C-alpha cells in the first residue's frame, strides 16, 4: 500500500510549553505523566493534530500471513462459506448415494468416515487461523482505544484552554466595560452640572 502515514512529531522547542500545559491543565508535572499523556501535552503545546487513521496504519503493518489469516476468517464467517460448505456436504452424500445405487460400491460408505476425516482436518486448520485473526482484531481494538484516549484527552485539554481564554477575555472585557461606564457617568454628570 505504500509508506505508512504518521502524524508529524511536535517540535522539541515546545518542551517548556508542554510542562506548563501538564502542570496547569493536567495537575501533574510533565515527568510524572505516562507516555500517552506526555505525547498529548506535546501536541497541544505544538498546536498540532493528533488524530490519524489507526485502522489504515494497522493494515499497512500487517505481514502476508496476518492478512491471509484475516481473509480466511472473513470468508469462514460468511454466508458464502456456509452455502458452499452445505453444497459440498450434500454433494458428497448425494454422490455416494448415486454410486451406491448405480454400482453398489462407494468411495465413502454410509458412516462417511472419509468425510469426517476431511471435516476434522478442516476444523484443525481453520480454528488456529481464526484465533490468529481474532488476536489481531483484539490488538487493533486495543490500539484504537489508546488512540481514542489520546484524542479525547487532547480535546478535553483544548476545551479547558478555550475556557481559560474566554474567562480571561470576559474578565478584561468586564473591567473595560466598567471603566467605560464610569467615564460615561462622569461625562453625564459634567453635562448635567453645566445645564444646572
N, C-alpha and C. Protein backbone atom coordinates (compact mmCIF):
# COMPACT_ATOMS: atom_id res chain seq x y z
N UNK A 1 0.80 -1.20 0.00
CA UNK A 1 0.00 0.00 0.00
C UNK A 1 0.84 1.26 0.00
N UNK A 2 2.06 1.18 0.32
CA UNK A 2 2.86 2.38 0.36
C UNK A 2 3.36 2.64 1.76
N UNK A 3 4.00 3.79 1.91
CA UNK A 3 4.56 4.14 3.20
C UNK A 3 3.46 4.45 4.20
N UNK A 4 3.73 4.10 5.41
CA UNK A 4 2.76 4.32 6.48
C UNK A 4 2.71 5.79 6.83
N UNK A 5 1.49 6.34 6.90
CA UNK A 5 1.34 7.76 7.21
C UNK A 5 1.39 7.95 8.71
N UNK A 6 2.22 8.87 9.15
CA UNK A 6 2.35 9.15 10.56
C UNK A 6 2.12 10.64 10.78
N UNK A 7 1.50 10.98 11.91
CA UNK A 7 1.33 12.39 12.21
C UNK A 7 2.68 13.02 12.51
N UNK A 8 2.83 14.31 12.24
CA UNK A 8 4.11 14.95 12.48
C UNK A 8 4.45 14.96 13.97
N UNK A 9 5.75 14.81 14.25
CA UNK A 9 6.20 14.86 15.63
C UNK A 9 6.33 16.32 16.04
N UNK A 10 5.79 16.69 17.22
CA UNK A 10 5.88 18.08 17.64
C UNK A 10 7.33 18.52 17.80
N UNK A 11 7.56 19.80 17.58
CA UNK A 11 8.91 20.35 17.68
C UNK A 11 9.40 20.27 19.12
N UNK A 12 10.71 19.96 19.31
CA UNK A 12 11.24 19.86 20.67
C UNK A 12 11.27 21.20 21.39
N UNK A 13 11.12 22.30 20.68
CA UNK A 13 11.15 23.62 21.31
C UNK A 13 9.96 23.82 22.23
N UNK A 14 8.94 22.96 22.14
CA UNK A 14 7.75 23.15 22.94
C UNK A 14 7.79 22.40 24.27
N UNK A 15 8.98 21.96 24.71
CA UNK A 15 9.09 21.20 25.95
C UNK A 15 8.64 22.03 27.14
N UNK A 16 9.04 23.29 27.19
CA UNK A 16 8.62 24.17 28.29
C UNK A 16 7.11 24.37 28.27
N UNK A 17 6.55 24.57 27.08
CA UNK A 17 5.10 24.72 26.97
C UNK A 17 4.39 23.43 27.37
N UNK A 18 4.96 22.29 27.00
CA UNK A 18 4.37 21.00 27.38
C UNK A 18 4.34 20.85 28.89
N UNK A 19 5.42 21.25 29.55
CA UNK A 19 5.47 21.17 31.01
C UNK A 19 4.44 22.12 31.63
N UNK A 20 4.28 23.30 31.04
CA UNK A 20 3.29 24.25 31.56
C UNK A 20 1.87 23.72 31.38
N UNK A 21 1.60 23.13 30.24
CA UNK A 21 0.27 22.55 29.98
C UNK A 21 0.01 21.40 30.95
N UNK A 22 1.02 20.58 31.17
CA UNK A 22 0.86 19.44 32.08
C UNK A 22 0.55 19.92 33.49
N UNK A 23 1.25 20.95 33.95
CA UNK A 23 1.03 21.39 35.33
C UNK A 23 -0.29 22.16 35.48
N UNK A 24 -0.63 23.01 34.51
CA UNK A 24 -1.84 23.82 34.68
C UNK A 24 -3.11 23.05 34.34
N UNK A 25 -3.11 22.29 33.25
CA UNK A 25 -4.33 21.62 32.81
C UNK A 25 -4.48 20.20 33.35
N UNK A 26 -3.37 19.49 33.50
CA UNK A 26 -3.45 18.10 33.94
C UNK A 26 -3.20 17.95 35.43
N UNK A 27 -2.69 19.00 36.06
CA UNK A 27 -2.47 18.96 37.50
C UNK A 27 -1.32 18.06 37.93
N UNK A 28 -0.37 17.83 37.05
CA UNK A 28 0.78 16.99 37.39
C UNK A 28 1.98 17.49 36.62
N UNK A 29 3.17 17.14 37.11
CA UNK A 29 4.37 17.56 36.38
C UNK A 29 4.52 16.69 35.14
N UNK A 30 5.16 17.23 34.15
CA UNK A 30 5.31 16.54 32.86
C UNK A 30 6.01 15.20 33.02
N UNK A 31 7.01 15.15 33.88
CA UNK A 31 7.80 13.92 34.04
C UNK A 31 7.00 12.79 34.68
N UNK A 32 5.96 13.11 35.45
CA UNK A 32 5.18 12.06 36.12
C UNK A 32 4.07 11.50 35.23
N UNK A 33 3.81 12.14 34.10
CA UNK A 33 2.75 11.66 33.21
C UNK A 33 3.20 10.41 32.46
N UNK A 34 2.23 9.59 32.06
CA UNK A 34 2.57 8.42 31.24
C UNK A 34 2.89 8.89 29.82
N UNK A 35 3.40 7.97 29.02
CA UNK A 35 3.88 8.33 27.67
C UNK A 35 2.79 8.94 26.80
N UNK A 36 1.57 8.38 26.86
CA UNK A 36 0.48 8.90 26.03
C UNK A 36 0.11 10.31 26.45
N UNK A 37 0.06 10.57 27.75
CA UNK A 37 -0.30 11.91 28.23
C UNK A 37 0.79 12.92 27.87
N UNK A 38 2.06 12.51 27.93
CA UNK A 38 3.15 13.39 27.50
C UNK A 38 3.01 13.71 26.02
N UNK A 39 2.68 12.69 25.23
CA UNK A 39 2.50 12.89 23.79
C UNK A 39 1.39 13.90 23.53
N UNK A 40 0.29 13.77 24.25
CA UNK A 40 -0.83 14.71 24.08
C UNK A 40 -0.40 16.11 24.48
N UNK A 41 0.31 16.25 25.58
CA UNK A 41 0.77 17.57 26.02
C UNK A 41 1.69 18.20 24.97
N UNK A 42 2.57 17.38 24.36
CA UNK A 42 3.45 17.92 23.31
C UNK A 42 2.63 18.39 22.11
N UNK A 43 1.62 17.62 21.73
CA UNK A 43 0.81 18.01 20.58
C UNK A 43 -0.02 19.26 20.86
N UNK A 44 -0.52 19.39 22.08
CA UNK A 44 -1.28 20.60 22.44
C UNK A 44 -0.35 21.81 22.41
N UNK A 45 0.85 21.65 22.98
CA UNK A 45 1.79 22.77 23.01
C UNK A 45 2.23 23.18 21.61
N UNK A 46 2.40 22.20 20.73
CA UNK A 46 2.84 22.50 19.36
C UNK A 46 1.68 22.88 18.45
N UNK A 47 0.44 22.81 18.96
CA UNK A 47 -0.77 23.13 18.20
C UNK A 47 -0.87 22.26 16.94
N UNK A 48 -0.60 20.96 17.11
CA UNK A 48 -0.67 20.02 16.01
C UNK A 48 -1.75 18.98 16.28
N UNK A 49 -2.29 18.42 15.20
CA UNK A 49 -3.34 17.41 15.35
C UNK A 49 -2.73 16.10 15.83
N UNK A 50 -3.57 15.29 16.44
CA UNK A 50 -3.11 14.01 16.97
C UNK A 50 -3.85 12.85 16.32
N UNK A 51 -4.97 13.15 15.68
CA UNK A 51 -5.79 12.06 15.12
C UNK A 51 -5.15 11.51 13.85
N UNK A 52 -5.36 10.22 13.64
CA UNK A 52 -4.87 9.53 12.46
C UNK A 52 -5.77 8.32 12.23
N UNK A 53 -5.65 7.70 11.09
CA UNK A 53 -6.44 6.53 10.76
C UNK A 53 -5.72 5.30 11.28
N UNK A 54 -6.11 4.84 12.46
CA UNK A 54 -5.43 3.72 13.11
C UNK A 54 -5.62 2.43 12.32
N UNK A 55 -6.80 2.23 11.76
CA UNK A 55 -7.07 1.00 11.00
C UNK A 55 -6.16 0.90 9.79
N UNK A 56 -5.95 2.01 9.10
CA UNK A 56 -5.07 2.00 7.93
C UNK A 56 -3.63 1.73 8.33
N UNK A 57 -3.18 2.37 9.42
CA UNK A 57 -1.82 2.12 9.89
C UNK A 57 -1.64 0.65 10.28
N UNK A 58 -2.64 0.10 10.95
CA UNK A 58 -2.57 -1.29 11.39
C UNK A 58 -2.54 -2.23 10.19
N UNK A 59 -3.35 -1.94 9.18
CA UNK A 59 -3.39 -2.78 7.99
C UNK A 59 -2.07 -2.69 7.21
N UNK A 60 -1.48 -1.51 7.15
CA UNK A 60 -0.23 -1.34 6.42
C UNK A 60 0.92 -2.12 7.06
N UNK A 61 0.88 -2.32 8.38
CA UNK A 61 1.95 -3.03 9.08
C UNK A 61 1.79 -4.54 9.02
N UNK A 62 0.63 -5.02 8.57
CA UNK A 62 0.35 -6.46 8.58
C UNK A 62 1.22 -7.20 7.57
N UNK A 63 1.73 -8.34 7.99
CA UNK A 63 2.50 -9.18 7.09
C UNK A 63 1.54 -10.03 6.26
N UNK A 64 2.09 -10.73 5.27
CA UNK A 64 1.25 -11.53 4.37
C UNK A 64 0.43 -12.56 5.14
N UNK A 65 1.07 -13.28 6.05
CA UNK A 65 0.37 -14.31 6.82
C UNK A 65 -0.77 -13.75 7.65
N UNK A 66 -0.57 -12.56 8.21
CA UNK A 66 -1.61 -11.94 9.02
C UNK A 66 -2.81 -11.53 8.15
N UNK A 67 -2.51 -10.95 6.98
CA UNK A 67 -3.60 -10.58 6.08
C UNK A 67 -4.34 -11.82 5.57
N UNK A 68 -3.59 -12.91 5.31
CA UNK A 68 -4.21 -14.16 4.86
C UNK A 68 -5.11 -14.73 5.95
N UNK A 69 -4.66 -14.67 7.21
CA UNK A 69 -5.49 -15.16 8.32
C UNK A 69 -6.78 -14.34 8.43
N UNK A 70 -6.68 -13.03 8.23
CA UNK A 70 -7.88 -12.18 8.28
C UNK A 70 -8.84 -12.55 7.16
N UNK A 71 -8.30 -12.81 5.97
CA UNK A 71 -9.18 -13.16 4.85
C UNK A 71 -9.84 -14.53 5.06
N UNK A 72 -9.08 -15.51 5.58
CA UNK A 72 -9.65 -16.83 5.85
C UNK A 72 -10.76 -16.71 6.90
N UNK A 73 -10.51 -15.94 7.96
CA UNK A 73 -11.53 -15.77 8.99
C UNK A 73 -12.76 -15.03 8.44
N UNK A 74 -12.51 -14.04 7.59
CA UNK A 74 -13.62 -13.29 6.99
C UNK A 74 -14.47 -14.20 6.10
N UNK A 75 -13.80 -15.04 5.29
CA UNK A 75 -14.53 -15.95 4.41
C UNK A 75 -15.21 -17.06 5.22
N UNK A 76 -14.52 -17.59 6.23
CA UNK A 76 -15.08 -18.66 7.05
C UNK A 76 -16.30 -18.22 7.86
N UNK A 77 -16.46 -16.94 8.06
CA UNK A 77 -17.61 -16.43 8.80
C UNK A 77 -18.64 -15.79 7.91
N UNK A 78 -18.70 -16.21 6.65
CA UNK A 78 -19.65 -15.60 5.71
C UNK A 78 -20.70 -16.60 5.29
N UNK A 79 -21.81 -16.08 4.77
CA UNK A 79 -22.87 -16.95 4.25
C UNK A 79 -22.42 -17.68 2.99
N UNK A 80 -21.48 -17.10 2.27
CA UNK A 80 -20.93 -17.79 1.09
C UNK A 80 -20.28 -19.10 1.51
N UNK A 81 -19.48 -19.04 2.58
CA UNK A 81 -18.82 -20.25 3.08
C UNK A 81 -19.86 -21.27 3.54
N UNK A 82 -20.87 -20.79 4.28
CA UNK A 82 -21.90 -21.70 4.77
C UNK A 82 -22.62 -22.37 3.60
N UNK A 83 -22.94 -21.60 2.58
CA UNK A 83 -23.62 -22.16 1.40
C UNK A 83 -22.75 -23.17 0.67
N UNK A 84 -21.49 -22.80 0.42
CA UNK A 84 -20.58 -23.72 -0.26
C UNK A 84 -20.34 -24.98 0.56
N UNK A 85 -20.20 -24.82 1.85
CA UNK A 85 -19.98 -25.96 2.73
C UNK A 85 -21.19 -26.89 2.72
N UNK A 86 -22.38 -26.30 2.79
CA UNK A 86 -23.61 -27.11 2.73
C UNK A 86 -23.73 -27.83 1.40
N UNK A 87 -23.40 -27.13 0.30
CA UNK A 87 -23.48 -27.75 -1.02
C UNK A 87 -22.48 -28.90 -1.14
N UNK A 88 -21.27 -28.71 -0.59
CA UNK A 88 -20.26 -29.77 -0.64
C UNK A 88 -20.72 -30.99 0.15
N UNK A 89 -21.35 -30.74 1.30
CA UNK A 89 -21.84 -31.88 2.12
C UNK A 89 -22.94 -32.63 1.38
N UNK A 90 -23.90 -31.89 0.82
CA UNK A 90 -24.99 -32.52 0.08
C UNK A 90 -24.44 -33.25 -1.14
N UNK A 91 -23.47 -32.64 -1.83
CA UNK A 91 -22.85 -33.27 -2.99
C UNK A 91 -22.13 -34.56 -2.62
N UNK A 92 -21.40 -34.52 -1.50
CA UNK A 92 -20.67 -35.71 -1.04
C UNK A 92 -21.65 -36.86 -0.75
N UNK A 93 -22.67 -36.55 0.03
CA UNK A 93 -23.65 -37.58 0.39
C UNK A 93 -24.41 -38.03 -0.86
N UNK A 94 -24.79 -37.10 -1.71
CA UNK A 94 -25.52 -37.44 -2.93
C UNK A 94 -24.70 -38.30 -3.87
N UNK A 95 -23.43 -37.96 -4.05
CA UNK A 95 -22.55 -38.73 -4.93
C UNK A 95 -22.40 -40.16 -4.41
N UNK A 96 -22.23 -40.30 -3.09
CA UNK A 96 -22.13 -41.64 -2.51
C UNK A 96 -23.43 -42.41 -2.67
N UNK A 97 -24.57 -41.75 -2.56
CA UNK A 97 -25.86 -42.42 -2.73
C UNK A 97 -26.05 -42.87 -4.18
N UNK A 98 -25.68 -42.01 -5.14
CA UNK A 98 -25.82 -42.36 -6.56
C UNK A 98 -24.91 -43.53 -6.90
N UNK A 99 -23.66 -43.48 -6.42
CA UNK A 99 -22.73 -44.57 -6.69
C UNK A 99 -23.20 -45.86 -6.04
N UNK A 100 -23.78 -45.78 -4.84
CA UNK A 100 -24.28 -46.97 -4.15
C UNK A 100 -25.41 -47.61 -4.95
N UNK A 101 -26.34 -46.79 -5.45
CA UNK A 101 -27.47 -47.34 -6.22
C UNK A 101 -27.03 -47.82 -7.59
N UNK A 102 -26.07 -47.12 -8.17
CA UNK A 102 -25.66 -47.45 -9.54
C UNK A 102 -24.80 -48.70 -9.62
N UNK A 103 -23.73 -48.76 -8.82
CA UNK A 103 -22.81 -49.87 -8.93
C UNK A 103 -22.76 -50.72 -7.65
N UNK A 104 -23.29 -50.22 -6.61
CA UNK A 104 -23.25 -50.96 -5.35
C UNK A 104 -22.00 -50.69 -4.54
N UNK A 105 -21.04 -49.86 -5.05
CA UNK A 105 -19.83 -49.52 -4.32
C UNK A 105 -19.69 -48.01 -4.27
N UNK A 106 -19.23 -47.51 -3.14
CA UNK A 106 -18.99 -46.07 -2.98
C UNK A 106 -17.56 -45.86 -2.52
N UNK A 107 -17.05 -44.66 -2.70
CA UNK A 107 -15.70 -44.36 -2.21
C UNK A 107 -15.72 -44.01 -0.72
N UNK A 108 -16.91 -43.69 -0.15
CA UNK A 108 -17.03 -43.42 1.28
C UNK A 108 -18.40 -43.90 1.74
N UNK A 109 -18.51 -45.17 2.20
CA UNK A 109 -19.82 -45.70 2.57
C UNK A 109 -20.45 -44.96 3.75
N UNK A 110 -21.69 -45.34 4.07
CA UNK A 110 -22.60 -44.59 4.94
C UNK A 110 -22.02 -43.90 6.16
N UNK A 111 -21.29 -44.44 7.05
CA UNK A 111 -20.94 -43.55 8.19
C UNK A 111 -20.04 -42.39 7.76
N UNK A 112 -19.63 -42.38 6.50
CA UNK A 112 -18.85 -41.29 5.92
C UNK A 112 -17.60 -40.98 6.74
N UNK A 113 -16.78 -41.99 6.93
CA UNK A 113 -15.56 -41.83 7.72
C UNK A 113 -14.57 -40.91 7.02
N UNK A 114 -14.44 -41.02 5.72
CA UNK A 114 -13.53 -40.14 4.97
C UNK A 114 -13.99 -38.69 5.07
N UNK A 115 -15.30 -38.47 4.98
CA UNK A 115 -15.84 -37.11 5.13
C UNK A 115 -15.54 -36.58 6.53
N UNK A 116 -15.70 -37.40 7.55
CA UNK A 116 -15.39 -36.99 8.92
C UNK A 116 -13.91 -36.64 9.06
N UNK A 117 -13.04 -37.40 8.40
CA UNK A 117 -11.61 -37.10 8.43
C UNK A 117 -11.33 -35.73 7.81
N UNK A 118 -11.93 -35.47 6.64
CA UNK A 118 -11.73 -34.17 5.97
C UNK A 118 -12.27 -33.02 6.82
N UNK A 119 -13.44 -33.23 7.42
CA UNK A 119 -14.01 -32.18 8.27
C UNK A 119 -13.14 -31.92 9.50
N UNK A 120 -12.59 -32.97 10.08
CA UNK A 120 -11.70 -32.79 11.23
C UNK A 120 -10.44 -32.04 10.84
N UNK A 121 -9.88 -32.38 9.68
CA UNK A 121 -8.69 -31.66 9.22
C UNK A 121 -9.00 -30.20 8.93
N UNK A 122 -10.16 -29.94 8.32
CA UNK A 122 -10.56 -28.56 8.05
C UNK A 122 -10.70 -27.78 9.34
N UNK A 123 -11.35 -28.37 10.34
CA UNK A 123 -11.52 -27.70 11.63
C UNK A 123 -10.18 -27.47 12.32
N UNK A 124 -9.27 -28.46 12.20
CA UNK A 124 -7.95 -28.34 12.84
C UNK A 124 -7.13 -27.22 12.21
N UNK A 125 -7.31 -27.00 10.93
CA UNK A 125 -6.58 -25.92 10.25
C UNK A 125 -7.27 -24.58 10.45
N UNK A 126 -8.58 -24.57 10.35
CA UNK A 126 -9.34 -23.33 10.39
C UNK A 126 -9.34 -22.68 11.78
N UNK A 127 -9.41 -23.47 12.84
CA UNK A 127 -9.50 -22.92 14.19
C UNK A 127 -8.31 -22.04 14.56
N UNK A 128 -7.06 -22.49 14.39
CA UNK A 128 -5.95 -21.60 14.75
C UNK A 128 -5.86 -20.36 13.87
N UNK A 129 -6.25 -20.49 12.60
CA UNK A 129 -6.22 -19.32 11.72
C UNK A 129 -7.23 -18.28 12.20
N UNK A 130 -8.42 -18.74 12.59
CA UNK A 130 -9.43 -17.82 13.11
C UNK A 130 -8.96 -17.19 14.42
N UNK A 131 -8.30 -17.98 15.28
CA UNK A 131 -7.78 -17.43 16.53
C UNK A 131 -6.71 -16.36 16.26
N UNK A 132 -5.84 -16.59 15.26
CA UNK A 132 -4.85 -15.58 14.91
C UNK A 132 -5.53 -14.29 14.49
N UNK A 133 -6.58 -14.42 13.69
CA UNK A 133 -7.30 -13.24 13.23
C UNK A 133 -7.98 -12.52 14.40
N UNK A 134 -8.53 -13.29 15.33
CA UNK A 134 -9.16 -12.67 16.49
C UNK A 134 -8.14 -11.97 17.37
N UNK A 135 -6.95 -12.54 17.50
CA UNK A 135 -5.89 -11.88 18.26
C UNK A 135 -5.49 -10.56 17.61
N UNK A 136 -5.41 -10.56 16.28
CA UNK A 136 -5.10 -9.30 15.57
C UNK A 136 -6.21 -8.28 15.77
N UNK A 137 -7.45 -8.75 15.75
CA UNK A 137 -8.58 -7.84 15.97
C UNK A 137 -8.52 -7.24 17.38
N UNK A 138 -8.18 -8.07 18.36
CA UNK A 138 -8.05 -7.57 19.74
C UNK A 138 -6.92 -6.54 19.83
N UNK A 139 -5.82 -6.78 19.14
CA UNK A 139 -4.71 -5.82 19.13
C UNK A 139 -5.13 -4.52 18.44
N UNK A 140 -5.86 -4.64 17.33
CA UNK A 140 -6.34 -3.46 16.62
C UNK A 140 -7.30 -2.66 17.52
N UNK A 141 -8.16 -3.36 18.25
CA UNK A 141 -9.10 -2.68 19.15
C UNK A 141 -8.36 -1.97 20.29
N UNK A 142 -7.30 -2.62 20.81
CA UNK A 142 -6.51 -2.01 21.88
C UNK A 142 -5.83 -0.73 21.39
N UNK A 143 -5.24 -0.80 20.20
CA UNK A 143 -4.58 0.38 19.64
C UNK A 143 -5.60 1.49 19.38
N UNK A 144 -6.76 1.12 18.86
CA UNK A 144 -7.81 2.13 18.60
C UNK A 144 -8.29 2.76 19.91
N UNK A 145 -8.40 1.96 20.97
CA UNK A 145 -8.84 2.51 22.26
C UNK A 145 -7.79 3.47 22.82
N UNK A 146 -6.51 3.12 22.69
CA UNK A 146 -5.45 4.02 23.15
C UNK A 146 -5.46 5.32 22.35
N UNK A 147 -5.68 5.20 21.05
CA UNK A 147 -5.72 6.40 20.21
C UNK A 147 -6.94 7.26 20.56
N UNK A 148 -8.08 6.62 20.80
CA UNK A 148 -9.27 7.36 21.22
C UNK A 148 -9.02 8.11 22.52
N UNK A 149 -8.29 7.48 23.45
CA UNK A 149 -7.96 8.14 24.71
C UNK A 149 -7.12 9.39 24.43
N UNK A 150 -6.12 9.27 23.56
CA UNK A 150 -5.27 10.42 23.25
C UNK A 150 -6.09 11.55 22.63
N UNK A 151 -6.94 11.22 21.67
CA UNK A 151 -7.75 12.24 21.01
C UNK A 151 -8.71 12.90 22.01
N UNK A 152 -9.34 12.09 22.85
CA UNK A 152 -10.27 12.63 23.84
C UNK A 152 -9.55 13.52 24.86
N UNK A 153 -8.36 13.09 25.30
CA UNK A 153 -7.60 13.90 26.24
C UNK A 153 -7.19 15.22 25.61
N UNK A 154 -6.75 15.18 24.37
CA UNK A 154 -6.37 16.42 23.68
C UNK A 154 -7.57 17.34 23.53
N UNK A 155 -8.72 16.78 23.16
CA UNK A 155 -9.93 17.60 23.03
C UNK A 155 -10.31 18.22 24.36
N UNK A 156 -10.20 17.44 25.43
CA UNK A 156 -10.53 17.97 26.76
C UNK A 156 -9.58 19.11 27.14
N UNK A 157 -8.28 18.93 26.87
CA UNK A 157 -7.32 19.98 27.19
C UNK A 157 -7.57 21.23 26.35
N UNK A 158 -7.88 21.04 25.07
CA UNK A 158 -8.18 22.19 24.21
C UNK A 158 -9.40 22.95 24.72
N UNK A 159 -10.42 22.22 25.14
CA UNK A 159 -11.63 22.87 25.67
C UNK A 159 -11.31 23.63 26.95
N UNK A 160 -10.47 23.03 27.81
CA UNK A 160 -10.08 23.72 29.04
C UNK A 160 -9.32 25.00 28.71
N UNK A 161 -8.43 24.94 27.71
CA UNK A 161 -7.69 26.14 27.32
C UNK A 161 -8.63 27.20 26.76
N UNK A 162 -9.62 26.77 25.98
CA UNK A 162 -10.59 27.73 25.45
C UNK A 162 -11.39 28.38 26.58
N UNK A 163 -11.77 27.59 27.58
CA UNK A 163 -12.48 28.15 28.73
C UNK A 163 -11.64 29.19 29.44
N UNK A 164 -10.35 28.87 29.61
CA UNK A 164 -9.46 29.83 30.27
C UNK A 164 -9.35 31.12 29.45
N UNK A 165 -9.22 30.98 28.13
CA UNK A 165 -9.13 32.18 27.29
C UNK A 165 -10.41 32.99 27.36
N UNK A 166 -11.56 32.31 27.34
CA UNK A 166 -12.83 33.03 27.43
C UNK A 166 -12.99 33.70 28.79
N UNK A 167 -12.53 33.03 29.85
CA UNK A 167 -12.60 33.64 31.18
C UNK A 167 -11.74 34.89 31.25
N UNK A 168 -10.53 34.81 30.71
CA UNK A 168 -9.64 35.98 30.70
C UNK A 168 -10.26 37.09 29.86
N UNK A 169 -10.77 36.72 28.69
CA UNK A 169 -11.40 37.71 27.82
C UNK A 169 -12.60 38.35 28.50
N UNK A 170 -13.42 37.54 29.15
CA UNK A 170 -14.59 38.06 29.84
C UNK A 170 -14.19 39.01 30.97
N UNK A 171 -13.17 38.62 31.74
CA UNK A 171 -12.74 39.46 32.85
C UNK A 171 -12.19 40.80 32.36
N UNK A 172 -11.37 40.77 31.30
CA UNK A 172 -10.82 42.03 30.78
C UNK A 172 -11.92 42.88 30.15
N UNK A 173 -12.82 42.23 29.43
CA UNK A 173 -13.92 42.99 28.82
C UNK A 173 -14.82 43.59 29.89
N UNK A 174 -15.06 42.85 30.96
CA UNK A 174 -15.90 43.36 32.04
C UNK A 174 -15.26 44.58 32.69
N UNK A 175 -13.94 44.50 32.92
CA UNK A 175 -13.23 45.64 33.51
C UNK A 175 -13.27 46.84 32.58
N UNK A 176 -13.07 46.61 31.28
CA UNK A 176 -13.14 47.72 30.32
C UNK A 176 -14.54 48.31 30.25
N UNK A 177 -15.54 47.46 30.31
CA UNK A 177 -16.92 47.93 30.28
C UNK A 177 -17.23 48.81 31.49
N UNK A 178 -16.75 48.39 32.67
CA UNK A 178 -16.96 49.20 33.88
C UNK A 178 -16.24 50.54 33.78
N UNK A 179 -15.03 50.52 33.21
CA UNK A 179 -14.28 51.77 33.05
C UNK A 179 -15.01 52.71 32.09
N UNK A 180 -15.52 52.16 30.99
CA UNK A 180 -16.27 52.97 30.03
C UNK A 180 -17.53 53.52 30.68
N UNK A 181 -18.19 52.71 31.49
CA UNK A 181 -19.42 53.16 32.15
C UNK A 181 -19.11 54.29 33.14
N UNK A 182 -17.99 54.19 33.85
CA UNK A 182 -17.60 55.27 34.79
C UNK A 182 -17.35 56.57 34.02
N UNK A 183 -16.68 56.44 32.86
CA UNK A 183 -16.43 57.63 32.04
C UNK A 183 -17.74 58.25 31.56
N UNK A 184 -18.66 57.39 31.14
CA UNK A 184 -19.95 57.89 30.69
C UNK A 184 -20.70 58.59 31.81
N UNK A 185 -20.66 58.01 33.00
CA UNK A 185 -21.32 58.64 34.14
C UNK A 185 -20.67 59.97 34.50
N UNK A 186 -19.34 60.01 34.40
CA UNK A 186 -18.64 61.26 34.69
C UNK A 186 -19.00 62.32 33.66
N UNK A 187 -19.03 61.92 32.38
CA UNK A 187 -19.41 62.87 31.32
C UNK A 187 -20.86 63.31 31.49
N UNK A 188 -21.73 62.40 31.84
CA UNK A 188 -23.14 62.74 32.05
C UNK A 188 -23.28 63.68 33.23
N UNK A 189 -22.49 63.42 34.28
CA UNK A 189 -22.52 64.31 35.45
C UNK A 189 -22.03 65.71 35.10
N UNK A 190 -20.97 65.80 34.26
CA UNK A 190 -20.46 67.14 33.89
C UNK A 190 -21.45 67.87 32.98
N UNK A 191 -22.15 67.13 32.11
CA UNK A 191 -23.16 67.74 31.25
C UNK A 191 -24.31 68.28 32.10
N UNK A 192 -24.72 67.49 33.09
CA UNK A 192 -25.82 67.91 33.96
C UNK A 192 -25.42 69.11 34.81
N UNK A 193 -24.16 69.18 35.25
CA UNK A 193 -23.68 70.31 36.03
C UNK A 193 -23.69 71.60 35.18
N UNK A 194 -23.34 71.49 33.92
CA UNK A 194 -23.34 72.66 33.05
C UNK A 194 -24.75 73.17 32.80
N UNK A 195 -25.68 72.27 32.67
CA UNK A 195 -27.06 72.68 32.40
C UNK A 195 -27.73 73.22 33.67
N UNK A 196 -27.32 72.68 34.77
CA UNK A 196 -28.00 73.08 36.01
C UNK A 196 -27.36 74.26 36.61
